Amino acid sequence: MADTTAKLVKAIVIPTFVGSLLSFVASSTALVLHMTLPPKRHFRHALILNLLVA
């Protein structure tokens, strides 16, 4: 029973961690690109930046 529970926990924890890590990498990349290559001033870009920070 404990072995099955441990396998189930691993099956949940590993994909969750990978998804969180990929999300962090994508958000960090977008923020770095936004800082190094700033887009034109536009209301849309302000909304995108606010979503990245949130």
N, C-alpha and C. Protein backbone atom coordinates (compact mmCIF):
# COMPACT_ATOMS: atom_id res chain seq x y z
N MET A 1 0.82 -1.20 0.00
CA MET A 1 0.00 0.00 0.00
C MET A 1 0.87 1.26 0.00
N ALA A 2 1.90 1.27 0.83
CA ALA A 2 2.77 2.45 0.91
C ALA A 2 3.54 2.64 -0.39
N ASP A 3 3.91 1.52 -1.02
CA ASP A 3 4.64 1.61 -2.29
C ASP A 3 3.77 2.23 -3.38
N THR A 4 2.51 1.85 -3.40
CA THR A 4 1.57 2.41 -4.38
C THR A 4 1.37 3.90 -4.14
N THR A 5 1.27 4.29 -2.89
CA THR A 5 1.11 5.70 -2.54
C THR A 5 2.34 6.50 -2.94
N ALA A 6 3.52 5.95 -2.73
CA ALA A 6 4.75 6.64 -3.10
C ALA A 6 4.83 6.82 -4.62
N LYS A 7 4.43 5.81 -5.37
CA LYS A 7 4.43 5.93 -6.84
C LYS A 7 3.43 6.98 -7.30
N LEU A 8 2.28 7.01 -6.65
CA LEU A 8 1.25 7.99 -7.00
C LEU A 8 1.73 9.40 -6.70
N VAL A 9 2.40 9.58 -5.57
CA VAL A 9 2.92 10.89 -5.21
C VAL A 9 3.97 11.34 -6.22
N LYS A 10 4.86 10.44 -6.62
CA LYS A 10 5.87 10.78 -7.63
C LYS A 10 5.21 11.13 -8.96
N ALA A 11 4.16 10.41 -9.31
CA ALA A 11 3.46 10.67 -10.57
C ALA A 11 2.79 12.04 -10.58
N ILE A 12 2.48 12.56 -9.42
CA ILE A 12 1.87 13.89 -9.33
C ILE A 12 2.92 14.97 -9.16
N VAL A 13 3.92 14.72 -8.34
CA VAL A 13 4.91 15.74 -8.00
C VAL A 13 5.83 16.07 -9.18
N ILE A 14 6.29 15.08 -9.90
CA ILE A 14 7.26 15.32 -10.98
C ILE A 14 6.66 16.17 -12.11
N PRO A 15 5.48 15.84 -12.65
CA PRO A 15 4.93 16.71 -13.70
C PRO A 15 4.60 18.12 -13.20
N THR A 16 4.17 18.23 -11.94
CA THR A 16 3.89 19.55 -11.37
C THR A 16 5.16 20.38 -11.29
N PHE A 17 6.25 19.77 -10.85
CA PHE A 17 7.53 20.48 -10.75
C PHE A 17 8.04 20.89 -12.13
N VAL A 18 7.94 19.99 -13.09
CA VAL A 18 8.41 20.30 -14.45
C VAL A 18 7.58 21.44 -15.04
N GLY A 19 6.28 21.42 -14.86
CA GLY A 19 5.42 22.49 -15.36
C GLY A 19 5.74 23.82 -14.70
N SER A 20 5.97 23.81 -13.40
CA SER A 20 6.32 25.05 -12.70
C SER A 20 7.67 25.57 -13.15
N LEU A 21 8.61 24.69 -13.35
CA LEU A 21 9.94 25.09 -13.80
C LEU A 21 9.89 25.69 -15.20
N LEU A 22 9.14 25.07 -16.10
CA LEU A 22 9.00 25.61 -17.45
C LEU A 22 8.29 26.96 -17.45
N SER A 23 7.31 27.12 -16.59
CA SER A 23 6.62 28.40 -16.47
C SER A 23 7.56 29.48 -15.98
N PHE A 24 8.40 29.16 -15.00
CA PHE A 24 9.38 30.11 -14.48
C PHE A 24 10.37 30.52 -15.56
N VAL A 25 10.87 29.55 -16.30
CA VAL A 25 11.85 29.84 -17.36
C VAL A 25 11.21 30.72 -18.44
N ALA A 26 9.99 30.42 -18.84
CA ALA A 26 9.32 31.21 -19.87
C ALA A 26 9.06 32.64 -19.40
N SER A 27 8.59 32.79 -18.17
CA SER A 27 8.33 34.13 -17.63
C SER A 27 9.61 34.93 -17.48
N SER A 28 10.66 34.28 -17.01
CA SER A 28 11.95 34.97 -16.86
C SER A 28 12.50 35.40 -18.21
N THR A 29 12.39 34.53 -19.20
CA THR A 29 12.86 34.87 -20.54
C THR A 29 12.08 36.06 -21.10
N ALA A 30 10.77 36.05 -20.93
CA ALA A 30 9.95 37.16 -21.43
C ALA A 30 10.30 38.47 -20.73
N LEU A 31 10.54 38.42 -19.42
CA LEU A 31 10.92 39.63 -18.68
C LEU A 31 12.28 40.15 -19.12
N VAL A 32 13.23 39.26 -19.30
CA VAL A 32 14.57 39.68 -19.74
C VAL A 32 14.50 40.29 -21.13
N LEU A 33 13.76 39.67 -22.02
CA LEU A 33 13.62 40.22 -23.37
C LEU A 33 12.90 41.57 -23.34
N HIS A 34 11.94 41.69 -22.46
CA HIS A 34 11.21 42.96 -22.35
C HIS A 34 12.12 44.07 -21.84
N MET A 35 13.06 43.72 -20.96
CA MET A 35 13.99 44.72 -20.43
C MET A 35 15.09 45.06 -21.43
N THR A 36 15.58 44.07 -22.15
CA THR A 36 16.69 44.32 -23.07
C THR A 36 16.23 44.91 -24.40
N LEU A 37 15.07 44.51 -24.87
CA LEU A 37 14.52 45.02 -26.13
C LEU A 37 13.14 45.61 -25.85
N PRO A 38 13.09 46.79 -25.26
CA PRO A 38 11.78 47.33 -24.88
C PRO A 38 10.90 47.60 -26.10
N PRO A 39 9.64 47.20 -26.02
CA PRO A 39 8.72 47.44 -27.14
C PRO A 39 8.27 48.90 -27.16
N LYS A 40 7.54 49.24 -28.21
CA LYS A 40 6.98 50.58 -28.31
C LYS A 40 6.01 50.82 -27.15
N ARG A 41 5.85 52.07 -26.79
CA ARG A 41 4.89 52.40 -25.73
C ARG A 41 3.47 52.24 -26.27
N HIS A 42 2.76 51.31 -25.68
CA HIS A 42 1.39 51.06 -26.11
C HIS A 42 0.65 50.45 -24.92
N PHE A 43 -0.63 50.70 -24.86
CA PHE A 43 -1.44 50.18 -23.76
C PHE A 43 -1.39 48.66 -23.69
N ARG A 44 -1.38 48.01 -24.84
CA ARG A 44 -1.31 46.55 -24.91
C ARG A 44 -0.05 46.03 -24.23
N HIS A 45 1.09 46.68 -24.49
CA HIS A 45 2.35 46.23 -23.91
C HIS A 45 2.37 46.43 -22.40
N ALA A 46 1.72 47.48 -21.92
CA ALA A 46 1.61 47.69 -20.47
C ALA A 46 0.81 46.55 -19.84
N LEU A 47 -0.25 46.12 -20.50
CA LEU A 47 -1.04 45.00 -19.98
C LEU A 47 -0.23 43.71 -19.95
N ILE A 48 0.55 43.47 -21.00
CA ILE A 48 1.37 42.26 -21.06
C ILE A 48 2.41 42.28 -19.94
N LEU A 49 3.05 43.42 -19.72
CA LEU A 49 4.04 43.53 -18.65
C LEU A 49 3.40 43.30 -17.29
N ASN A 50 2.22 43.85 -17.07
CA ASN A 50 1.52 43.64 -15.80
C ASN A 50 1.17 42.17 -15.59
N LEU A 51 0.80 41.48 -16.66
CA LEU A 51 0.50 40.05 -16.53
C LEU A 51 1.76 39.24 -16.23
N LEU A 52 2.90 39.66 -16.80
CA LEU A 52 4.15 38.96 -16.53
C LEU A 52 4.56 39.11 -15.07
N VAL A 53 4.38 40.30 -14.53
CA VAL A 53 4.80 40.56 -13.15
C VAL A 53 3.87 39.87 -12.16
N ALA A 54 2.60 39.76 -12.50
CA ALA A 54 1.61 39.20 -11.56
C ALA A 54 1.81 37.75 -11.29
